[in-house]
Protein backbone atom coordinates (compact mmCIF):
# COMPACT_ATOMS: atom_id res chain seq x y z
CA MET A 1 95.33 169.15 95.56
CA ASN A 2 97.93 168.02 97.99
CA THR A 3 100.85 166.44 97.39
CA SER A 4 100.45 162.65 99.19
CA GLY A 5 99.05 161.49 96.45
CA GLU A 6 94.65 161.77 97.90
CA ILE A 7 92.13 164.15 97.35
CA THR A 8 91.48 167.01 99.79
CA PRO A 9 88.84 166.57 102.16
CA LYS A 10 87.23 169.16 99.97
CA GLN A 11 86.72 167.59 97.22
CA GLN A 12 85.84 164.46 99.15
CA ARG A 13 83.39 166.66 100.37
CA LEU A 14 82.15 167.32 96.55
CA ILE A 15 82.02 163.28 95.93
CA ALA A 16 79.18 163.07 98.32
CA LEU A 17 78.09 165.57 97.45
CA LEU A 18 77.93 164.83 93.95
CA LEU A 19 76.43 161.44 94.69
CA THR A 20 72.97 162.68 97.07
CA GLU A 21 72.35 166.19 94.62
CA LYS A 22 70.27 166.21 92.03
CA THR A 23 72.68 168.72 90.38
CA ILE A 24 75.88 169.41 90.10
CA ASP A 25 75.40 173.17 90.76
CA ALA A 26 73.42 171.92 93.88
CA ALA A 27 76.40 169.39 94.99
CA CYS A 28 78.66 172.64 94.50
CA LYS A 29 76.78 175.03 96.14
CA LYS A 30 76.54 172.72 98.99
CA ALA A 31 80.26 172.21 99.07
CA ASN A 32 81.13 175.79 98.18
CA VAL A 33 83.69 174.58 95.20
CA ALA A 34 82.73 176.78 91.95
CA VAL A 35 81.28 174.72 89.16
CA SER A 36 84.28 175.65 87.41
CA THR A 37 86.58 174.61 89.95
CA TYR A 38 84.59 171.06 89.41
CA TRP A 39 84.92 170.51 86.16
CA ARG A 40 88.77 171.63 86.15
CA TRP A 41 89.11 168.78 89.66
CA MET A 42 86.98 166.39 86.74
CA HIS A 43 90.10 166.58 84.36
CA ASP A 44 92.26 165.82 87.25
CA LEU A 45 92.66 161.78 87.70
CA ARG A 46 92.87 161.48 91.06
CA PHE A 47 90.12 163.39 91.95
CA LEU A 48 88.28 161.33 89.00
CA THR A 49 89.42 158.26 89.51
CA ALA A 50 88.08 158.65 93.10
CA TYR A 51 84.06 160.21 91.70
CA ARG A 52 84.71 157.27 89.98
CA VAL A 53 85.78 154.89 92.65
CA ALA A 54 82.70 156.28 94.92
CA ARG A 55 80.05 155.93 92.47
CA ARG A 56 80.47 152.66 91.21
CA GLY A 57 80.17 151.28 94.88
CA ILE A 58 76.29 153.06 94.64
CA ILE A 59 75.96 150.90 91.79
CA GLU A 60 77.19 147.83 92.72
CA ASN A 61 75.12 148.43 96.39
CA THR A 62 71.90 148.52 94.12
CA VAL A 63 72.47 145.88 91.76
CA ALA A 64 73.00 143.60 95.24
CA LYS A 65 69.70 145.45 96.79
CA LEU A 66 67.77 144.27 93.05
CA GLN A 67 69.38 141.00 93.55
CA SER A 68 67.77 140.86 96.64
CA LEU A 69 64.42 141.96 95.82
CA ALA A 70 65.05 139.28 92.84
CA PHE A 71 63.02 136.28 95.01
CA THR A 72 59.87 139.12 96.03
CA ALA A 73 59.49 139.88 92.88
CA ILE A 74 59.40 135.96 91.30
CA ASP A 75 57.28 134.90 94.66
CA ALA A 76 54.61 138.18 93.39
CA LEU A 77 54.58 137.19 89.98
CA GLU A 78 53.74 133.78 91.29
CA ARG A 79 51.15 135.25 93.18
CA ASN A 80 49.81 137.22 90.76
CA LEU A 81 49.74 134.64 87.79
CA ASN A 82 46.09 134.11 88.63
CA CYS A 83 44.52 137.25 90.25
CA GLU A 84 42.41 139.49 88.54
CA ASN A 85 44.18 142.84 88.87
CA PRO A 86 47.56 141.87 89.33
CA ALA A 87 49.21 144.91 86.86
CA VAL A 88 51.42 147.15 89.76
CA GLU A 89 52.74 143.89 91.13
CA ILE A 90 54.01 142.17 88.24
CA ARG A 91 55.12 145.63 86.16
CA SER A 92 56.87 146.04 89.75
CA ALA A 93 58.29 141.96 89.73
CA SER A 94 59.06 142.80 85.84
CA ILE A 95 61.05 145.90 86.51
CA VAL A 96 63.11 144.42 89.50
CA LEU A 97 63.84 140.71 87.42
CA ASP A 98 64.96 143.03 84.79
CA GLN A 99 67.47 145.21 86.53
CA SER A 100 68.58 141.97 88.72
CA ILE A 101 69.24 140.76 85.27
CA ARG A 102 70.82 144.32 83.24
CA GLY A 103 72.97 144.38 86.40
CA LEU A 104 74.43 141.22 86.32
CA GLU A 105 74.57 141.42 82.75
CA LEU A 106 77.20 144.54 83.67
CA LEU A 107 78.95 143.33 86.32
CA ASP A 108 79.48 140.34 84.03
CA VAL A 109 81.01 142.73 81.39
CA GLU A 110 83.09 144.31 84.39
CA GLY A 111 85.17 140.86 84.59
CA ARG A 112 85.32 139.99 81.24
CA LEU A 113 86.96 143.95 81.52
CA VAL A 114 89.16 143.18 84.21
CA MET A 115 90.57 139.68 82.95
CA LEU A 116 91.40 141.28 78.96
CA GLU A 117 93.38 144.41 80.97
CA SER A 118 95.03 141.58 82.80
CA VAL A 119 96.03 139.55 79.60
CA ILE A 120 97.17 142.52 78.06
CA ASN A 121 98.92 144.08 80.86
CA ARG A 122 101.06 141.45 80.72
CA SER A 123 101.42 141.06 77.32
CA GLU A 124 102.78 144.27 77.28
CA ASP A 125 104.99 143.74 80.32
CA LYS A 126 107.19 141.46 77.97
CA ASN A 127 107.32 143.08 75.46
CA VAL A 128 108.96 145.57 77.71
């Protein structure tokens, strides 16, 4: 870890690989980092924060993509309401809609959490 408060390039590479590889072992191997080092880094607040920010970015992009597909899913539902065999499209459309709604709910919960944390922080500032 460097002293500037940022993570190292090796840690950045591991984070990128953790987000793309199927297993921690595979990510560590490609990054040339021992798994034991990964676990030690996961206890380092700077590394953990950077990892969570990167992971969150992927999730937000995924939610946005799902939400953009919602209109297509609705079109598929509408197109197949009276078809003889719409099972595959209807199931796909249903999944996209369900995931879009769940993503929106998660973002809503996050917004509420941020607001509550802000209220708590202001309250603590007043008490200090």
